[in-house]
Amino acid sequence: MVNRPFGEGALFRKASGRKLPDPVRAAGLATWSALFLEFVLAHPAVTCVIPATGNSAHLAENLAAASHPPVPEALRRDWRKSF
């Protein structure tokens, strides 16, 4: 179980002002939160993620990301090269 996978906003601060990489968008993920959740959920030891948001818009984004089909490991490796 992963609680607060966004590091209480630390990941978003690091991504601030940066464009979401094109390969990420091509995989159907439209937000940084979707990308971050995809990486966390892809780990085989993770069974549950608790983003801990009180913002309903963020909740909707998180639910959309969590319901996205898993992205293949090969594609996730390619994304790492984009950063």
PDB file of N, CA and C in Angstrom:
ATOM      1  N   MET A   1       0.854  -1.166   0.000  1.00  0.00           N
ATOM      2  CA  MET A   1       0.000   0.000   0.000  1.00  0.00           C
ATOM      3  C   MET A   1       0.905   1.235   0.000  1.00  0.00           C
ATOM      4  N   VAL A   2       0.572   2.189  -0.847  1.00  0.00           N
ATOM      5  CA  VAL A   2       1.345   3.426  -0.941  1.00  0.00           C
ATOM      6  C   VAL A   2       0.444   4.586  -0.521  1.00  0.00           C
ATOM      7  N   ASN A   3       0.845   5.262   0.528  1.00  0.00           N
ATOM      8  CA  ASN A   3       0.096   6.416   1.016  1.00  0.00           C
ATOM      9  C   ASN A   3       0.806   7.687   0.565  1.00  0.00           C
ATOM     10  N   ARG A   4       0.042   8.608   0.019  1.00  0.00           N
ATOM     11  CA  ARG A   4       0.560   9.896  -0.452  1.00  0.00           C
ATOM     12  C   ARG A   4       1.675   9.734  -1.490  1.00  0.00           C
ATOM     13  N   PRO A   5       1.360   9.101  -2.611  1.00  0.00           N
ATOM     14  CA  PRO A   5       2.380   8.835  -3.628  1.00  0.00           C
ATOM     15  C   PRO A   5       2.941  10.080  -4.298  1.00  0.00           C
ATOM     16  N   PHE A   6       2.275  11.193  -4.119  1.00  0.00           N
ATOM     17  CA  PHE A   6       2.753  12.426  -4.750  1.00  0.00           C
ATOM     18  C   PHE A   6       3.699  13.202  -3.832  1.00  0.00           C
ATOM     19  N   GLY A   7       4.027  12.630  -2.686  1.00  0.00           N
ATOM     20  CA  GLY A   7       4.950  13.300  -1.777  1.00  0.00           C
ATOM     21  C   GLY A   7       4.434  14.641  -1.312  1.00  0.00           C
ATOM     22  N   GLU A   8       3.125  14.695  -1.063  1.00  0.00           N
ATOM     23  CA  GLU A   8       2.451  15.926  -0.625  1.00  0.00           C
ATOM     24  C   GLU A   8       2.756  17.097  -1.560  1.00  0.00           C
ATOM     25  N   GLY A   9       2.805  16.794  -2.846  1.00  0.00           N
ATOM     26  CA  GLY A   9       2.986  17.825  -3.866  1.00  0.00           C
ATOM     27  C   GLY A   9       4.408  17.968  -4.374  1.00  0.00           C
ATOM     28  N   ALA A  10       5.364  17.272  -3.759  1.00  0.00           N
ATOM     29  CA  ALA A  10       6.767  17.411  -4.168  1.00  0.00           C
ATOM     30  C   ALA A  10       6.983  17.021  -5.630  1.00  0.00           C
ATOM     31  N   LEU A  11       6.326  15.954  -6.076  1.00  0.00           N
ATOM     32  CA  LEU A  11       6.485  15.545  -7.477  1.00  0.00           C
ATOM     33  C   LEU A  11       5.955  16.606  -8.434  1.00  0.00           C
ATOM     34  N   PHE A  12       4.847  17.225  -8.066  1.00  0.00           N
ATOM     35  CA  PHE A  12       4.274  18.259  -8.939  1.00  0.00           C
ATOM     36  C   PHE A  12       5.167  19.496  -8.975  1.00  0.00           C
ATOM     37  N   ARG A  13       5.801  19.810  -7.867  1.00  0.00           N
ATOM     38  CA  ARG A  13       6.723  20.953  -7.853  1.00  0.00           C
ATOM     39  C   ARG A  13       7.916  20.687  -8.771  1.00  0.00           C
ATOM     40  N   LYS A  14       8.402  19.445  -8.785  1.00  0.00           N
ATOM     41  CA  LYS A  14       9.518  19.106  -9.677  1.00  0.00           C
ATOM     42  C   LYS A  14       9.105  19.172 -11.146  1.00  0.00           C
ATOM     43  N   ALA A  15       7.860  18.841 -11.439  1.00  0.00           N
ATOM     44  CA  ALA A  15       7.371  18.840 -12.818  1.00  0.00           C
ATOM     45  C   ALA A  15       6.842  20.203 -13.255  1.00  0.00           C
ATOM     46  N   SER A  16       6.742  21.125 -12.323  1.00  0.00           N
ATOM     47  CA  SER A  16       6.160  22.440 -12.606  1.00  0.00           C
ATOM     48  C   SER A  16       6.848  23.116 -13.793  1.00  0.00           C
ATOM     49  N   GLY A  17       6.030  23.565 -14.726  1.00  0.00           N
ATOM     50  CA  GLY A  17       6.538  24.267 -15.896  1.00  0.00           C
ATOM     51  C   GLY A  17       7.044  23.355 -17.000  1.00  0.00           C
ATOM     52  N   ARG A  18       7.046  22.059 -16.749  1.00  0.00           N
ATOM     53  CA  ARG A  18       7.504  21.111 -17.757  1.00  0.00           C
ATOM     54  C   ARG A  18       6.317  20.525 -18.505  1.00  0.00           C
ATOM     55  N   LYS A  19       6.503  20.343 -19.786  1.00  0.00           N
ATOM     56  CA  LYS A  19       5.478  19.734 -20.628  1.00  0.00           C
ATOM     57  C   LYS A  19       5.480  18.222 -20.396  1.00  0.00           C
ATOM     58  N   LEU A  20       4.297  17.649 -20.341  1.00  0.00           N
ATOM     59  CA  LEU A  20       4.188  16.194 -20.236  1.00  0.00           C
ATOM     60  C   LEU A  20       4.796  15.591 -21.497  1.00  0.00           C
ATOM     61  N   PRO A  21       5.737  14.654 -21.378  1.00  0.00           N
ATOM     62  CA  PRO A  21       6.406  14.100 -22.563  1.00  0.00           C
ATOM     63  C   PRO A  21       5.414  13.502 -23.570  1.00  0.00           C
ATOM     64  N   ASP A  22       5.710  13.687 -24.840  1.00  0.00           N
ATOM     65  CA  ASP A  22       4.840  13.190 -25.904  1.00  0.00           C
ATOM     66  C   ASP A  22       4.573  11.681 -25.817  1.00  0.00           C
ATOM     67  N   PRO A  23       5.585  10.846 -25.494  1.00  0.00           N
ATOM     68  CA  PRO A  23       5.294   9.404 -25.400  1.00  0.00           C
ATOM     69  C   PRO A  23       4.276   9.073 -24.303  1.00  0.00           C
ATOM     70  N   VAL A  24       4.253   9.885 -23.269  1.00  0.00           N
ATOM     71  CA  VAL A  24       3.281   9.679 -22.189  1.00  0.00           C
ATOM     72  C   VAL A  24       1.877   9.991 -22.702  1.00  0.00           C
ATOM     73  N   ARG A  25       1.753  11.110 -23.393  1.00  0.00           N
ATOM     74  CA  ARG A  25       0.455  11.479 -23.978  1.00  0.00           C
ATOM     75  C   ARG A  25       0.007  10.441 -25.008  1.00  0.00           C
ATOM     76  N   ALA A  26       0.948   9.940 -25.799  1.00  0.00           N
ATOM     77  CA  ALA A  26       0.617   8.945 -26.819  1.00  0.00           C
ATOM     78  C   ALA A  26       0.079   7.663 -26.194  1.00  0.00           C
ATOM     79  N   ALA A  27       0.473   7.401 -24.946  1.00  0.00           N
ATOM     80  CA  ALA A  27      -0.017   6.205 -24.246  1.00  0.00           C
ATOM     81  C   ALA A  27      -1.392   6.430 -23.630  1.00  0.00           C
ATOM     82  N   GLY A  28      -1.921   7.658 -23.779  1.00  0.00           N
ATOM     83  CA  GLY A  28      -3.266   7.940 -23.291  1.00  0.00           C
ATOM     84  C   GLY A  28      -3.329   8.576 -21.916  1.00  0.00           C
ATOM     85  N   LEU A  29      -2.185   8.975 -21.383  1.00  0.00           N
ATOM     86  CA  LEU A  29      -2.170   9.653 -20.083  1.00  0.00           C
ATOM     87  C   LEU A  29      -2.049  11.154 -20.329  1.00  0.00           C
ATOM     88  N   ALA A  30      -2.932  11.925 -19.713  1.00  0.00           N
ATOM     89  CA  ALA A  30      -3.016  13.346 -20.045  1.00  0.00           C
ATOM     90  C   ALA A  30      -2.500  14.291 -18.961  1.00  0.00           C
ATOM     91  N   THR A  31      -2.152  13.760 -17.800  1.00  0.00           N
ATOM     92  CA  THR A  31      -1.733  14.639 -16.697  1.00  0.00           C
ATOM     93  C   THR A  31      -0.515  14.052 -15.983  1.00  0.00           C
ATOM     94  N   TRP A  32       0.177  14.927 -15.261  1.00  0.00           N
ATOM     95  CA  TRP A  32       1.301  14.463 -14.449  1.00  0.00           C
ATOM     96  C   TRP A  32       0.817  13.475 -13.392  1.00  0.00           C
ATOM     97  N   SER A  33      -0.335  13.729 -12.806  1.00  0.00           N
ATOM     98  CA  SER A  33      -0.822  12.800 -11.777  1.00  0.00           C
ATOM     99  C   SER A  33      -1.063  11.417 -12.373  1.00  0.00           C
ATOM    100  N   ALA A  34      -1.562  11.357 -13.596  1.00  0.00           N
ATOM    101  CA  ALA A  34      -1.766  10.063 -14.258  1.00  0.00           C
ATOM    102  C   ALA A  34      -0.429   9.351 -14.457  1.00  0.00           C
ATOM    103  N   LEU A  35       0.580  10.093 -14.881  1.00  0.00           N
ATOM    104  CA  LEU A  35       1.903   9.505 -15.071  1.00  0.00           C
ATOM    105  C   LEU A  35       2.462   8.979 -13.750  1.00  0.00           C
ATOM    106  N   PHE A  36       2.400   9.798 -12.702  1.00  0.00           N
ATOM    107  CA  PHE A  36       2.939   9.387 -11.409  1.00  0.00           C
ATOM    108  C   PHE A  36       2.205   8.154 -10.872  1.00  0.00           C
ATOM    109  N   LEU A  37       0.888   8.164 -10.975  1.00  0.00           N
ATOM    110  CA  LEU A  37       0.120   7.016 -10.497  1.00  0.00           C
ATOM    111  C   LEU A  37       0.412   5.757 -11.316  1.00  0.00           C
ATOM    112  N   GLU A  38       0.595   5.915 -12.612  1.00  0.00           N
ATOM    113  CA  GLU A  38       0.914   4.774 -13.468  1.00  0.00           C
ATOM    114  C   GLU A  38       2.192   4.094 -12.991  1.00  0.00           C
ATOM    115  N   PHE A  39       3.210   4.884 -12.668  1.00  0.00           N
ATOM    116  CA  PHE A  39       4.460   4.297 -12.201  1.00  0.00           C
ATOM    117  C   PHE A  39       4.272   3.579 -10.869  1.00  0.00           C
ATOM    118  N   VAL A  40       3.562   4.191  -9.958  1.00  0.00           N
ATOM    119  CA  VAL A  40       3.357   3.584  -8.641  1.00  0.00           C
ATOM    120  C   VAL A  40       2.539   2.307  -8.769  1.00  0.00           C
ATOM    121  N   LEU A  41       1.435   2.372  -9.495  1.00  0.00           N
ATOM    122  CA  LEU A  41       0.555   1.210  -9.637  1.00  0.00           C
ATOM    123  C   LEU A  41       1.205   0.068 -10.407  1.00  0.00           C
ATOM    124  N   ALA A  42       2.197   0.364 -11.221  1.00  0.00           N
ATOM    125  CA  ALA A  42       2.844  -0.673 -12.022  1.00  0.00           C
ATOM    126  C   ALA A  42       3.774  -1.562 -11.197  1.00  0.00           C
ATOM    127  N   HIS A  43       4.151  -1.098 -10.035  1.00  0.00           N
ATOM    128  CA  HIS A  43       5.072  -1.900  -9.216  1.00  0.00           C
ATOM    129  C   HIS A  43       4.342  -3.141  -8.730  1.00  0.00           C
ATOM    130  N   PRO A  44       4.936  -4.319  -8.882  1.00  0.00           N
ATOM    131  CA  PRO A  44       4.239  -5.554  -8.526  1.00  0.00           C
ATOM    132  C   PRO A  44       3.888  -5.682  -7.039  1.00  0.00           C
ATOM    133  N   ALA A  45       4.572  -4.966  -6.176  1.00  0.00           N
ATOM    134  CA  ALA A  45       4.279  -5.050  -4.744  1.00  0.00           C
ATOM    135  C   ALA A  45       3.136  -4.129  -4.319  1.00  0.00           C
ATOM    136  N   VAL A  46       2.702  -3.248  -5.210  1.00  0.00           N
ATOM    137  CA  VAL A  46       1.671  -2.271  -4.865  1.00  0.00           C
ATOM    138  C   VAL A  46       0.284  -2.842  -5.145  1.00  0.00           C
ATOM    139  N   THR A  47      -0.553  -2.824  -4.128  1.00  0.00           N
ATOM    140  CA  THR A  47      -1.933  -3.297  -4.275  1.00  0.00           C
ATOM    141  C   THR A  47      -2.940  -2.175  -4.069  1.00  0.00           C
ATOM    142  N   CYS A  48      -2.489  -1.066  -3.492  1.00  0.00           N
ATOM    143  CA  CYS A  48      -3.405   0.022  -3.172  1.00  0.00           C
ATOM    144  C   CYS A  48      -2.625   1.325  -3.114  1.00  0.00           C
ATOM    145  N   VAL A  49      -3.233   2.393  -3.627  1.00  0.00           N
ATOM    146  CA  VAL A  49      -2.624   3.725  -3.575  1.00  0.00           C
ATOM    147  C   VAL A  49      -3.625   4.680  -2.949  1.00  0.00           C
ATOM    148  N   ILE A  50      -3.147   5.483  -1.996  1.00  0.00           N
ATOM    149  CA  ILE A  50      -4.002   6.456  -1.310  1.00  0.00           C
ATOM    150  C   ILE A  50      -3.418   7.849  -1.573  1.00  0.00           C
ATOM    151  N   PRO A  51      -3.909   8.547  -2.612  1.00  0.00           N
ATOM    152  CA  PRO A  51      -3.357   9.862  -2.932  1.00  0.00           C
ATOM    153  C   PRO A  51      -3.638  10.948  -1.885  1.00  0.00           C
ATOM    154  N   ALA A  52      -4.660  10.767  -1.075  1.00  0.00           N
ATOM    155  CA  ALA A  52      -4.956  11.697   0.024  1.00  0.00           C
ATOM    156  C   ALA A  52      -5.220  13.121  -0.465  1.00  0.00           C
ATOM    157  N   THR A  53      -6.252  13.283  -1.264  1.00  0.00           N
ATOM    158  CA  THR A  53      -6.625  14.618  -1.728  1.00  0.00           C
ATOM    159  C   THR A  53      -7.982  15.008  -1.169  1.00  0.00           C
ATOM    160  N   GLY A  54      -8.145  16.285  -0.949  1.00  0.00           N
ATOM    161  CA  GLY A  54      -9.439  16.805  -0.540  1.00  0.00           C
ATOM    162  C   GLY A  54     -10.093  17.584  -1.675  1.00  0.00           C
ATOM    163  N   ASN A  55      -9.451  17.581  -2.824  1.00  0.00           N
ATOM    164  CA  ASN A  55      -9.901  18.338  -3.980  1.00  0.00           C
ATOM    165  C   ASN A  55     -10.650  17.403  -4.923  1.00  0.00           C
ATOM    166  N   SER A  56     -11.911  17.693  -5.182  1.00  0.00           N
ATOM    167  CA  SER A  56     -12.718  16.786  -6.009  1.00  0.00           C
ATOM    168  C   SER A  56     -12.214  16.693  -7.453  1.00  0.00           C
ATOM    169  N   ALA A  57     -11.647  17.759  -7.985  1.00  0.00           N
ATOM    170  CA  ALA A  57     -11.089  17.700  -9.343  1.00  0.00           C
ATOM    171  C   ALA A  57      -9.884  16.772  -9.378  1.00  0.00           C
ATOM    172  N   HIS A  58      -9.054  16.822  -8.342  1.00  0.00           N
ATOM    173  CA  HIS A  58      -7.902  15.926  -8.270  1.00  0.00           C
ATOM    174  C   HIS A  58      -8.355  14.479  -8.100  1.00  0.00           C
ATOM    175  N   LEU A  59      -9.411  14.284  -7.318  1.00  0.00           N
ATOM    176  CA  LEU A  59      -9.963  12.944  -7.135  1.00  0.00           C
ATOM    177  C   LEU A  59     -10.406  12.368  -8.481  1.00  0.00           C
ATOM    178  N   ALA A  60     -11.085  13.171  -9.274  1.00  0.00           N
ATOM    179  CA  ALA A  60     -11.545  12.720 -10.592  1.00  0.00           C
ATOM    180  C   ALA A  60     -10.355  12.354 -11.485  1.00  0.00           C
ATOM    181  N   GLU A  61      -9.298  13.168 -11.462  1.00  0.00           N
ATOM    182  CA  GLU A  61      -8.085  12.868 -12.240  1.00  0.00           C
ATOM    183  C   GLU A  61      -7.468  11.554 -11.789  1.00  0.00           C
ATOM    184  N   ASN A  62      -7.387  11.374 -10.474  1.00  0.00           N
ATOM    185  CA  ASN A  62      -6.779  10.160  -9.926  1.00  0.00           C
ATOM    186  C   ASN A  62      -7.579   8.916 -10.295  1.00  0.00           C
ATOM    187  N   LEU A  63      -8.893   9.021 -10.228  1.00  0.00           N
ATOM    188  CA  LEU A  63      -9.735   7.880 -10.591  1.00  0.00           C
ATOM    189  C   LEU A  63      -9.589   7.538 -12.072  1.00  0.00           C
ATOM    190  N   ALA A  64      -9.516   8.556 -12.908  1.00  0.00           N
ATOM    191  CA  ALA A  64      -9.327   8.313 -14.339  1.00  0.00           C
ATOM    192  C   ALA A  64      -7.987   7.634 -14.591  1.00  0.00           C
ATOM    193  N   ALA A  65      -6.961   8.095 -13.904  1.00  0.00           N
ATOM    194  CA  ALA A  65      -5.640   7.491 -14.078  1.00  0.00           C
ATOM    195  C   ALA A  65      -5.617   6.048 -13.584  1.00  0.00           C
ATOM    196  N   ALA A  66      -6.260   5.800 -12.470  1.00  0.00           N
ATOM    197  CA  ALA A  66      -6.270   4.451 -11.894  1.00  0.00           C
ATOM    198  C   ALA A  66      -7.046   3.468 -12.767  1.00  0.00           C
ATOM    199  N   SER A  67      -7.993   3.970 -13.533  1.00  0.00           N
ATOM    200  CA  SER A  67      -8.787   3.079 -14.374  1.00  0.00           C
ATOM    201  C   SER A  67      -8.180   2.902 -15.767  1.00  0.00           C
ATOM    202  N   HIS A  68      -7.082   3.586 -16.048  1.00  0.00           N
ATOM    203  CA  HIS A  68      -6.396   3.475 -17.330  1.00  0.00           C
ATOM    204  C   HIS A  68      -5.736   2.094 -17.417  1.00  0.00           C
ATOM    205  N   PRO A  69      -5.779   1.450 -18.562  1.00  0.00           N
ATOM    206  CA  PRO A  69      -5.108   0.149 -18.689  1.00  0.00           C
ATOM    207  C   PRO A  69      -3.609   0.293 -18.392  1.00  0.00           C
ATOM    208  N   PRO A  70      -3.001  -0.692 -17.774  1.00  0.00           N
ATOM    209  CA  PRO A  70      -1.567  -0.607 -17.474  1.00  0.00           C
ATOM    210  C   PRO A  70      -0.742  -0.389 -18.733  1.00  0.00           C
ATOM    211  N   VAL A  71       0.274   0.434 -18.587  1.00  0.00           N
ATOM    212  CA  VAL A  71       1.186   0.698 -19.696  1.00  0.00           C
ATOM    213  C   VAL A  71       2.305  -0.338 -19.621  1.00  0.00           C
ATOM    214  N   PRO A  72       2.665  -0.953 -20.748  1.00  0.00           N
ATOM    215  CA  PRO A  72       3.714  -1.979 -20.741  1.00  0.00           C
ATOM    216  C   PRO A  72       5.045  -1.464 -20.185  1.00  0.00           C
ATOM    217  N   GLU A  73       5.773  -2.352 -19.536  1.00  0.00           N
ATOM    218  CA  GLU A  73       7.063  -2.001 -18.927  1.00  0.00           C
ATOM    219  C   GLU A  73       8.022  -1.390 -19.940  1.00  0.00           C
ATOM    220  N   ALA A  74       8.065  -1.901 -21.139  1.00  0.00           N
ATOM    221  CA  ALA A  74       8.977  -1.363 -22.160  1.00  0.00           C
ATOM    222  C   ALA A  74       8.691   0.111 -22.426  1.00  0.00           C
ATOM    223  N   LEU A  75       7.436   0.470 -22.467  1.00  0.00           N
ATOM    224  CA  LEU A  75       7.072   1.863 -22.698  1.00  0.00           C
ATOM    225  C   LEU A  75       7.452   2.723 -21.496  1.00  0.00           C
ATOM    226  N   ARG A  76       7.238   2.203 -20.289  1.00  0.00           N
ATOM    227  CA  ARG A  76       7.628   2.964 -19.090  1.00  0.00           C
ATOM    228  C   ARG A  76       9.133   3.192 -19.059  1.00  0.00           C
ATOM    229  N   ARG A  77       9.917   2.208 -19.505  1.00  0.00           N
ATOM    230  CA  ARG A  77      11.378   2.391 -19.572  1.00  0.00           C
ATOM    231  C   ARG A  77      11.722   3.513 -20.546  1.00  0.00           C
ATOM    232  N   ASP A  78      11.029   3.570 -21.680  1.00  0.00           N
ATOM    233  CA  ASP A  78      11.268   4.626 -22.660  1.00  0.00           C
ATOM    234  C   ASP A  78      10.944   5.998 -22.075  1.00  0.00           C
ATOM    235  N   TRP A  79       9.896   6.062 -21.239  1.00  0.00           N
ATOM    236  CA  TRP A  79       9.515   7.345 -20.642  1.00  0.00           C
ATOM    237  C   TRP A  79      10.641   7.891 -19.783  1.00  0.00           C
ATOM    238  N   ARG A  80      11.327   6.998 -19.091  1.00  0.00           N
ATOM    239  CA  ARG A  80      12.412   7.445 -18.195  1.00  0.00           C
ATOM    240  C   ARG A  80      13.457   8.248 -18.982  1.00  0.00           C
ATOM    241  N   LYS A  81      13.632   7.915 -20.249  1.00  0.00           N
ATOM    242  CA  LYS A  81      14.594   8.623 -21.089  1.00  0.00           C
ATOM    243  C   LYS A  81      14.100  10.030 -21.438  1.00  0.00           C
ATOM    244  N   SER A  82      12.803  10.265 -21.266  1.00  0.00           N
ATOM    245  CA  SER A  82      12.221  11.567 -21.609  1.00  0.00           C
ATOM    246  C   SER A  82      12.470  12.619 -20.538  1.00  0.00           C
ATOM    247  N   PHE A  83      12.935  12.193 -19.374  1.00  0.00           N
ATOM    248  CA  PHE A  83      13.064  13.139 -18.261  1.00  0.00           C
ATOM    249  C   PHE A  83      14.485  13.583 -18.084  1.00  0.00           C
TER     250      PHE A  83
END
